[in-house]
Amino acid sequence: MGDFIKYLFIFSCLWSANSFAITQTQWDGNFRVEELGEELNDGSQVFLQYNLKIDSKNNRASLSMTTWHAGITCIGDYSLKIN
């Protein structure tokens, strides 16, 4: 009976640890989007490149951006919430 209780305790600990672990999702990784915008008065063209890194295991997302002639950016680190 004592061994049964011991194995039951170990099994329940392993089960609870695995049931709350967040695994990697299909969205994890590095992504890049490039956008060419309108032509400006000086003949140049607006260029935007977004680099998004998603790490669901640590509930983090980071957005960096390379741009020419774009005034508004969303650069920064974000917290992820998986629904």
PDB file of N, CA and C in Angstrom:
ATOM      1  N   MET A   1       0.824  -1.195   0.000  1.00  0.00           N
ATOM      2  CA  MET A   1       0.000   0.000   0.000  1.00  0.00           C
ATOM      3  C   MET A   1       0.865   1.254   0.000  1.00  0.00           C
ATOM      4  N   GLY A   2       1.995   1.221   0.721  1.00  0.00           N
ATOM      5  CA  GLY A   2       2.867   2.387   0.789  1.00  0.00           C
ATOM      6  C   GLY A   2       3.456   2.749  -0.564  1.00  0.00           C
ATOM      7  N   ASP A   3       3.836   1.724  -1.350  1.00  0.00           N
ATOM      8  CA  ASP A   3       4.375   1.984  -2.689  1.00  0.00           C
ATOM      9  C   ASP A   3       3.314   2.598  -3.591  1.00  0.00           C
ATOM     10  N   PHE A   4       2.085   2.127  -3.456  1.00  0.00           N
ATOM     11  CA  PHE A   4       1.004   2.666  -4.270  1.00  0.00           C
ATOM     12  C   PHE A   4       0.811   4.155  -4.002  1.00  0.00           C
ATOM     13  N   ILE A   5       0.816   4.558  -2.746  1.00  0.00           N
ATOM     14  CA  ILE A   5       0.667   5.968  -2.373  1.00  0.00           C
ATOM     15  C   ILE A   5       1.832   6.782  -2.924  1.00  0.00           C
ATOM     16  N   LYS A   6       3.044   6.220  -2.817  1.00  0.00           N
ATOM     17  CA  LYS A   6       4.225   6.921  -3.312  1.00  0.00           C
ATOM     18  C   LYS A   6       4.120   7.146  -4.824  1.00  0.00           C
ATOM     19  N   TYR A   7       3.749   6.118  -5.581  1.00  0.00           N
ATOM     20  CA  TYR A   7       3.620   6.252  -7.036  1.00  0.00           C
ATOM     21  C   TYR A   7       2.473   7.184  -7.416  1.00  0.00           C
ATOM     22  N   LEU A   8       1.401   7.127  -6.666  1.00  0.00           N
ATOM     23  CA  LEU A   8       0.273   8.021  -6.925  1.00  0.00           C
ATOM     24  C   LEU A   8       0.688   9.476  -6.720  1.00  0.00           C
ATOM     25  N   PHE A   9       1.457   9.745  -5.681  1.00  0.00           N
ATOM     26  CA  PHE A   9       1.939  11.098  -5.407  1.00  0.00           C
ATOM     27  C   PHE A   9       2.868  11.579  -6.524  1.00  0.00           C
ATOM     28  N   ILE A  10       3.808  10.732  -6.944  1.00  0.00           N
ATOM     29  CA  ILE A  10       4.746  11.107  -8.011  1.00  0.00           C
ATOM     30  C   ILE A  10       3.997  11.349  -9.312  1.00  0.00           C
ATOM     31  N   PHE A  11       3.054  10.464  -9.632  1.00  0.00           N
ATOM     32  CA  PHE A  11       2.281  10.623 -10.861  1.00  0.00           C
ATOM     33  C   PHE A  11       1.487  11.927 -10.855  1.00  0.00           C
ATOM     34  N   SER A  12       0.863  12.249  -9.725  1.00  0.00           N
ATOM     35  CA  SER A  12       0.065  13.483  -9.660  1.00  0.00           C
ATOM     36  C   SER A  12       0.945  14.722  -9.776  1.00  0.00           C
ATOM     37  N   CYS A  13       2.154  14.676  -9.216  1.00  0.00           N
ATOM     38  CA  CYS A  13       3.075  15.812  -9.351  1.00  0.00           C
ATOM     39  C   CYS A  13       3.498  15.996 -10.802  1.00  0.00           C
ATOM     40  N   LEU A  14       3.848  14.905 -11.461  1.00  0.00           N
ATOM     41  CA  LEU A  14       4.244  15.002 -12.870  1.00  0.00           C
ATOM     42  C   LEU A  14       3.081  15.450 -13.740  1.00  0.00           C
ATOM     43  N   TRP A  15       1.906  14.949 -13.467  1.00  0.00           N
ATOM     44  CA  TRP A  15       0.731  15.315 -14.253  1.00  0.00           C
ATOM     45  C   TRP A  15       0.427  16.800 -14.122  1.00  0.00           C
ATOM     46  N   SER A  16       0.465  17.339 -12.912  1.00  0.00           N
ATOM     47  CA  SER A  16       0.144  18.755 -12.714  1.00  0.00           C
ATOM     48  C   SER A  16       1.219  19.644 -13.318  1.00  0.00           C
ATOM     49  N   ALA A  17       2.476  19.242 -13.263  1.00  0.00           N
ATOM     50  CA  ALA A  17       3.547  20.046 -13.858  1.00  0.00           C
ATOM     51  C   ALA A  17       3.397  20.103 -15.367  1.00  0.00           C
ATOM     52  N   ASN A  18       3.031  19.001 -15.987  1.00  0.00           N
ATOM     53  CA  ASN A  18       2.877  18.979 -17.437  1.00  0.00           C
ATOM     54  C   ASN A  18       1.592  19.636 -17.900  1.00  0.00           C
ATOM     55  N   SER A  19       0.553  19.590 -17.112  1.00  0.00           N
ATOM     56  CA  SER A  19      -0.713  20.163 -17.555  1.00  0.00           C
ATOM     57  C   SER A  19      -0.687  21.686 -17.555  1.00  0.00           C
ATOM     58  N   PHE A  20       0.195  22.300 -16.782  1.00  0.00           N
ATOM     59  CA  PHE A  20       0.268  23.754 -16.749  1.00  0.00           C
ATOM     60  C   PHE A  20       1.414  24.312 -17.583  1.00  0.00           C
ATOM     61  N   ALA A  21       2.214  23.466 -18.173  1.00  0.00           N
ATOM     62  CA  ALA A  21       3.319  23.945 -19.003  1.00  0.00           C
ATOM     63  C   ALA A  21       2.779  24.435 -20.340  1.00  0.00           C
ATOM     64  N   ILE A  22       3.262  25.591 -20.762  1.00  0.00           N
ATOM     65  CA  ILE A  22       2.850  26.138 -22.049  1.00  0.00           C
ATOM     66  C   ILE A  22       3.824  25.638 -23.101  1.00  0.00           C
ATOM     67  N   THR A  23       3.290  25.044 -24.120  1.00  0.00           N
ATOM     68  CA  THR A  23       4.142  24.547 -25.191  1.00  0.00           C
ATOM     69  C   THR A  23       4.257  25.595 -26.278  1.00  0.00           C
ATOM     70  N   GLN A  24       5.164  25.370 -27.168  1.00  0.00           N
ATOM     71  CA  GLN A  24       5.360  26.286 -28.282  1.00  0.00           C
ATOM     72  C   GLN A  24       4.136  26.226 -29.190  1.00  0.00           C
ATOM     73  N   THR A  25       3.684  27.382 -29.642  1.00  0.00           N
ATOM     74  CA  THR A  25       2.510  27.444 -30.502  1.00  0.00           C
ATOM     75  C   THR A  25       2.933  27.605 -31.951  1.00  0.00           C
ATOM     76  N   GLN A  26       1.958  27.544 -32.828  1.00  0.00           N
ATOM     77  CA  GLN A  26       2.232  27.739 -34.253  1.00  0.00           C
ATOM     78  C   GLN A  26       2.684  29.165 -34.555  1.00  0.00           C
ATOM     79  N   TRP A  27       2.477  30.077 -33.628  1.00  0.00           N
ATOM     80  CA  TRP A  27       2.819  31.483 -33.851  1.00  0.00           C
ATOM     81  C   TRP A  27       4.221  31.830 -33.376  1.00  0.00           C
ATOM     82  N   ASP A  28       4.897  30.950 -32.662  1.00  0.00           N
ATOM     83  CA  ASP A  28       6.244  31.237 -32.173  1.00  0.00           C
ATOM     84  C   ASP A  28       7.230  31.350 -33.324  1.00  0.00           C
ATOM     85  N   GLY A  29       8.177  32.266 -33.154  1.00  0.00           N
ATOM     86  CA  GLY A  29       9.226  32.410 -34.155  1.00  0.00           C
ATOM     87  C   GLY A  29       9.462  33.864 -34.512  1.00  0.00           C
ATOM     88  N   ASN A  30      10.197  34.067 -35.582  1.00  0.00           N
ATOM     89  CA  ASN A  30      10.515  35.402 -36.079  1.00  0.00           C
ATOM     90  C   ASN A  30       9.781  35.628 -37.392  1.00  0.00           C
ATOM     91  N   PHE A  31       9.131  36.775 -37.494  1.00  0.00           N
ATOM     92  CA  PHE A  31       8.355  37.102 -38.681  1.00  0.00           C
ATOM     93  C   PHE A  31       8.757  38.485 -39.178  1.00  0.00           C
ATOM     94  N   ARG A  32       8.691  38.669 -40.491  1.00  0.00           N
ATOM     95  CA  ARG A  32       9.034  39.966 -41.071  1.00  0.00           C
ATOM     96  C   ARG A  32       7.995  40.330 -42.120  1.00  0.00           C
ATOM     97  N   VAL A  33       7.560  41.586 -42.073  1.00  0.00           N
ATOM     98  CA  VAL A  33       6.628  42.119 -43.059  1.00  0.00           C
ATOM     99  C   VAL A  33       7.241  43.389 -43.618  1.00  0.00           C
ATOM    100  N   GLU A  34       7.280  43.490 -44.944  1.00  0.00           N
ATOM    101  CA  GLU A  34       7.788  44.694 -45.594  1.00  0.00           C
ATOM    102  C   GLU A  34       6.651  45.362 -46.351  1.00  0.00           C
ATOM    103  N   GLU A  35       6.621  46.675 -46.288  1.00  0.00           N
ATOM    104  CA  GLU A  35       5.557  47.436 -46.940  1.00  0.00           C
ATOM    105  C   GLU A  35       6.166  48.640 -47.653  1.00  0.00           C
ATOM    106  N   LEU A  36       5.787  48.818 -48.888  1.00  0.00           N
ATOM    107  CA  LEU A  36       6.168  50.013 -49.630  1.00  0.00           C
ATOM    108  C   LEU A  36       4.952  50.921 -49.688  1.00  0.00           C
ATOM    109  N   GLY A  37       5.149  52.160 -49.269  1.00  0.00           N
ATOM    110  CA  GLY A  37       4.048  53.114 -49.232  1.00  0.00           C
ATOM    111  C   GLY A  37       4.057  54.052 -50.422  1.00  0.00           C
ATOM    112  N   GLU A  38       3.461  55.200 -50.209  1.00  0.00           N
ATOM    113  CA  GLU A  38       3.301  56.169 -51.292  1.00  0.00           C
ATOM    114  C   GLU A  38       4.620  56.840 -51.661  1.00  0.00           C
ATOM    115  N   GLU A  39       4.637  57.406 -52.848  1.00  0.00           N
ATOM    116  CA  GLU A  39       5.800  58.164 -53.296  1.00  0.00           C
ATOM    117  C   GLU A  39       5.687  59.579 -52.750  1.00  0.00           C
ATOM    118  N   LEU A  40       6.782  60.085 -52.222  1.00  0.00           N
ATOM    119  CA  LEU A  40       6.803  61.413 -51.616  1.00  0.00           C
ATOM    120  C   LEU A  40       7.191  62.474 -52.640  1.00  0.00           C
ATOM    121  N   ASN A  41       7.059  63.746 -52.242  1.00  0.00           N
ATOM    122  CA  ASN A  41       7.355  64.871 -53.135  1.00  0.00           C
ATOM    123  C   ASN A  41       8.786  64.855 -53.658  1.00  0.00           C
ATOM    124  N   ASP A  42       9.719  64.362 -52.861  1.00  0.00           N
ATOM    125  CA  ASP A  42      11.120  64.349 -53.294  1.00  0.00           C
ATOM    126  C   ASP A  42      11.457  63.133 -54.166  1.00  0.00           C
ATOM    127  N   GLY A  43      10.472  62.313 -54.493  1.00  0.00           N
ATOM    128  CA  GLY A  43      10.685  61.151 -55.349  1.00  0.00           C
ATOM    129  C   GLY A  43      10.987  59.874 -54.592  1.00  0.00           C
ATOM    130  N   SER A  44      11.254  59.969 -53.297  1.00  0.00           N
ATOM    131  CA  SER A  44      11.508  58.764 -52.505  1.00  0.00           C
ATOM    132  C   SER A  44      10.187  58.082 -52.161  1.00  0.00           C
ATOM    133  N   GLN A  45      10.298  56.857 -51.677  1.00  0.00           N
ATOM    134  CA  GLN A  45       9.111  56.083 -51.356  1.00  0.00           C
ATOM    135  C   GLN A  45       9.153  55.669 -49.889  1.00  0.00           C
ATOM    136  N   VAL A  46       8.005  55.703 -49.239  1.00  0.00           N
ATOM    137  CA  VAL A  46       7.904  55.270 -47.846  1.00  0.00           C
ATOM    138  C   VAL A  46       8.178  53.766 -47.782  1.00  0.00           C
ATOM    139  N   PHE A  47       9.019  53.361 -46.836  1.00  0.00           N
ATOM    140  CA  PHE A  47       9.360  51.952 -46.646  1.00  0.00           C
ATOM    141  C   PHE A  47       9.189  51.604 -45.179  1.00  0.00           C
ATOM    142  N   LEU A  48       8.526  50.492 -44.908  1.00  0.00           N
ATOM    143  CA  LEU A  48       8.350  49.987 -43.543  1.00  0.00           C
ATOM    144  C   LEU A  48       8.724  48.511 -43.515  1.00  0.00           C
ATOM    145  N   GLN A  49       9.492  48.124 -42.513  1.00  0.00           N
ATOM    146  CA  GLN A  49       9.791  46.709 -42.284  1.00  0.00           C
ATOM    147  C   GLN A  49       9.554  46.427 -40.814  1.00  0.00           C
ATOM    148  N   TYR A  50       8.603  45.529 -40.530  1.00  0.00           N
ATOM    149  CA  TYR A  50       8.295  45.126 -39.163  1.00  0.00           C
ATOM    150  C   TYR A  50       8.953  43.778 -38.892  1.00  0.00           C
ATOM    151  N   ASN A  51       9.656  43.664 -37.782  1.00  0.00           N
ATOM    152  CA  ASN A  51      10.254  42.404 -37.333  1.00  0.00           C
ATOM    153  C   ASN A  51       9.584  42.020 -36.021  1.00  0.00           C
ATOM    154  N   LEU A  52       8.866  40.912 -36.032  1.00  0.00           N
ATOM    155  CA  LEU A  52       8.111  40.468 -34.866  1.00  0.00           C
ATOM    156  C   LEU A  52       8.682  39.144 -34.380  1.00  0.00           C
ATOM    157  N   LYS A  53       9.029  39.103 -33.089  1.00  0.00           N
ATOM    158  CA  LYS A  53       9.526  37.873 -32.465  1.00  0.00           C
ATOM    159  C   LYS A  53       8.526  37.461 -31.394  1.00  0.00           C
ATOM    160  N   ILE A  54       7.979  36.260 -31.513  1.00  0.00           N
ATOM    161  CA  ILE A  54       6.977  35.758 -30.570  1.00  0.00           C
ATOM    162  C   ILE A  54       7.552  34.565 -29.818  1.00  0.00           C
ATOM    163  N   ASP A  55       7.471  34.635 -28.491  1.00  0.00           N
ATOM    164  CA  ASP A  55       7.946  33.570 -27.607  1.00  0.00           C
ATOM    165  C   ASP A  55       6.840  33.285 -26.594  1.00  0.00           C
ATOM    166  N   SER A  56       5.922  32.381 -26.934  1.00  0.00           N
ATOM    167  CA  SER A  56       4.771  32.122 -26.066  1.00  0.00           C
ATOM    168  C   SER A  56       5.166  31.412 -24.779  1.00  0.00           C
ATOM    169  N   LYS A  57       6.272  30.694 -24.781  1.00  0.00           N
ATOM    170  CA  LYS A  57       6.713  30.000 -23.568  1.00  0.00           C
ATOM    171  C   LYS A  57       7.001  31.000 -22.452  1.00  0.00           C
ATOM    172  N   ASN A  58       7.558  32.154 -22.808  1.00  0.00           N
ATOM    173  CA  ASN A  58       7.859  33.203 -21.831  1.00  0.00           C
ATOM    174  C   ASN A  58       6.859  34.352 -21.876  1.00  0.00           C
ATOM    175  N   ASN A  59       5.758  34.178 -22.602  1.00  0.00           N
ATOM    176  CA  ASN A  59       4.705  35.195 -22.727  1.00  0.00           C
ATOM    177  C   ASN A  59       5.253  36.538 -23.190  1.00  0.00           C
ATOM    178  N   ARG A  60       6.098  36.515 -24.209  1.00  0.00           N
ATOM    179  CA  ARG A  60       6.737  37.742 -24.692  1.00  0.00           C
ATOM    180  C   ARG A  60       6.605  37.852 -26.202  1.00  0.00           C
ATOM    181  N   ALA A  61       6.453  39.076 -26.637  1.00  0.00           N
ATOM    182  CA  ALA A  61       6.528  39.402 -28.061  1.00  0.00           C
ATOM    183  C   ALA A  61       7.291  40.709 -28.168  1.00  0.00           C
ATOM    184  N   SER A  62       8.122  40.816 -29.177  1.00  0.00           N
ATOM    185  CA  SER A  62       8.923  42.015 -29.363  1.00  0.00           C
ATOM    186  C   SER A  62       8.779  42.473 -30.805  1.00  0.00           C
ATOM    187  N   LEU A  63       8.513  43.757 -30.984  1.00  0.00           N
ATOM    188  CA  LEU A  63       8.347  44.331 -32.313  1.00  0.00           C
ATOM    189  C   LEU A  63       9.419  45.373 -32.542  1.00  0.00           C
ATOM    190  N   SER A  64      10.192  45.197 -33.596  1.00  0.00           N
ATOM    191  CA  SER A  64      11.151  46.213 -34.011  1.00  0.00           C
ATOM    192  C   SER A  64      10.781  46.634 -35.424  1.00  0.00           C
ATOM    193  N   MET A  65      11.302  47.777 -35.825  1.00  0.00           N
ATOM    194  CA  MET A  65      10.860  48.332 -37.094  1.00  0.00           C
ATOM    195  C   MET A  65      11.988  49.089 -37.765  1.00  0.00           C
ATOM    196  N   THR A  66      12.108  48.919 -39.063  1.00  0.00           N
ATOM    197  CA  THR A  66      13.007  49.724 -39.878  1.00  0.00           C
ATOM    198  C   THR A  66      12.120  50.552 -40.789  1.00  0.00           C
ATOM    199  N   THR A  67      12.360  51.845 -40.845  1.00  0.00           N
ATOM    200  CA  THR A  67      11.472  52.693 -41.631  1.00  0.00           C
ATOM    201  C   THR A  67      12.202  53.880 -42.234  1.00  0.00           C
ATOM    202  N   TRP A  68      11.701  54.308 -43.350  1.00  0.00           N
ATOM    203  CA  TRP A  68      12.088  55.582 -43.930  1.00  0.00           C
ATOM    204  C   TRP A  68      10.818  56.387 -44.109  1.00  0.00           C
ATOM    205  N   HIS A  69      10.780  57.545 -43.526  1.00  0.00           N
ATOM    206  CA  HIS A  69       9.689  58.513 -43.692  1.00  0.00           C
ATOM    207  C   HIS A  69       8.388  58.117 -43.008  1.00  0.00           C
ATOM    208  N   ALA A  70       8.411  57.275 -42.024  1.00  0.00           N
ATOM    209  CA  ALA A  70       7.184  56.944 -41.298  1.00  0.00           C
ATOM    210  C   ALA A  70       7.261  57.562 -39.912  1.00  0.00           C
ATOM    211  N   GLY A  71       6.249  58.316 -39.560  1.00  0.00           N
ATOM    212  CA  GLY A  71       6.263  59.048 -38.299  1.00  0.00           C
ATOM    213  C   GLY A  71       5.789  58.270 -37.092  1.00  0.00           C
ATOM    214  N   ILE A  72       4.899  57.316 -37.276  1.00  0.00           N
ATOM    215  CA  ILE A  72       4.305  56.586 -36.153  1.00  0.00           C
ATOM    216  C   ILE A  72       4.825  55.150 -36.158  1.00  0.00           C
ATOM    217  N   THR A  73       5.344  54.702 -35.024  1.00  0.00           N
ATOM    218  CA  THR A  73       5.825  53.320 -34.906  1.00  0.00           C
ATOM    219  C   THR A  73       5.193  52.649 -33.694  1.00  0.00           C
ATOM    220  N   CYS A  74       5.241  51.349 -33.672  1.00  0.00           N
ATOM    221  CA  CYS A  74       4.717  50.553 -32.546  1.00  0.00           C
ATOM    222  C   CYS A  74       5.825  49.706 -31.937  1.00  0.00           C
ATOM    223  N   ILE A  75       7.051  50.203 -31.986  1.00  0.00           N
ATOM    224  CA  ILE A  75       8.209  49.461 -31.507  1.00  0.00           C
ATOM    225  C   ILE A  75       8.085  49.227 -30.006  1.00  0.00           C
ATOM    226  N   GLY A  76       8.429  48.027 -29.549  1.00  0.00           N
ATOM    227  CA  GLY A  76       8.427  47.765 -28.117  1.00  0.00           C
ATOM    228  C   GLY A  76       8.270  46.299 -27.793  1.00  0.00           C
ATOM    229  N   ASP A  77       8.185  46.025 -26.509  1.00  0.00           N
ATOM    230  CA  ASP A  77       7.971  44.673 -26.005  1.00  0.00           C
ATOM    231  C   ASP A  77       6.543  44.571 -25.508  1.00  0.00           C
ATOM    232  N   TYR A  78       5.941  43.430 -25.734  1.00  0.00           N
ATOM    233  CA  TYR A  78       4.549  43.219 -25.379  1.00  0.00           C
ATOM    234  C   TYR A  78       4.415  41.935 -24.571  1.00  0.00           C
ATOM    235  N   SER A  79       3.388  41.867 -23.719  1.00  0.00           N
ATOM    236  CA  SER A  79       3.051  40.641 -22.995  1.00  0.00           C
ATOM    237  C   SER A  79       2.006  39.887 -23.796  1.00  0.00           C
ATOM    238  N   LEU A  80       2.125  38.568 -23.820  1.00  0.00           N
ATOM    239  CA  LEU A  80       1.176  37.734 -24.539  1.00  0.00           C
ATOM    240  C   LEU A  80       0.191  37.120 -23.569  1.00  0.00           C
ATOM    241  N   LYS A  81      -1.045  36.994 -24.022  1.00  0.00           N
ATOM    242  CA  LYS A  81      -2.060  36.292 -23.254  1.00  0.00           C
ATOM    243  C   LYS A  81      -2.733  35.310 -24.193  1.00  0.00           C
ATOM    244  N   ILE A  82      -2.601  34.036 -23.896  1.00  0.00           N
ATOM    245  CA  ILE A  82      -3.188  32.997 -24.737  1.00  0.00           C
ATOM    246  C   ILE A  82      -4.588  32.707 -24.226  1.00  0.00           C
ATOM    247  N   ASN A  83      -5.555  32.871 -25.108  1.00  0.00           N
ATOM    248  CA  ASN A  83      -6.960  32.619 -24.743  1.00  0.00           C
ATOM    249  C   ASN A  83      -7.362  31.218 -25.113  1.00  0.00           C
TER     250      ASN A  83
END
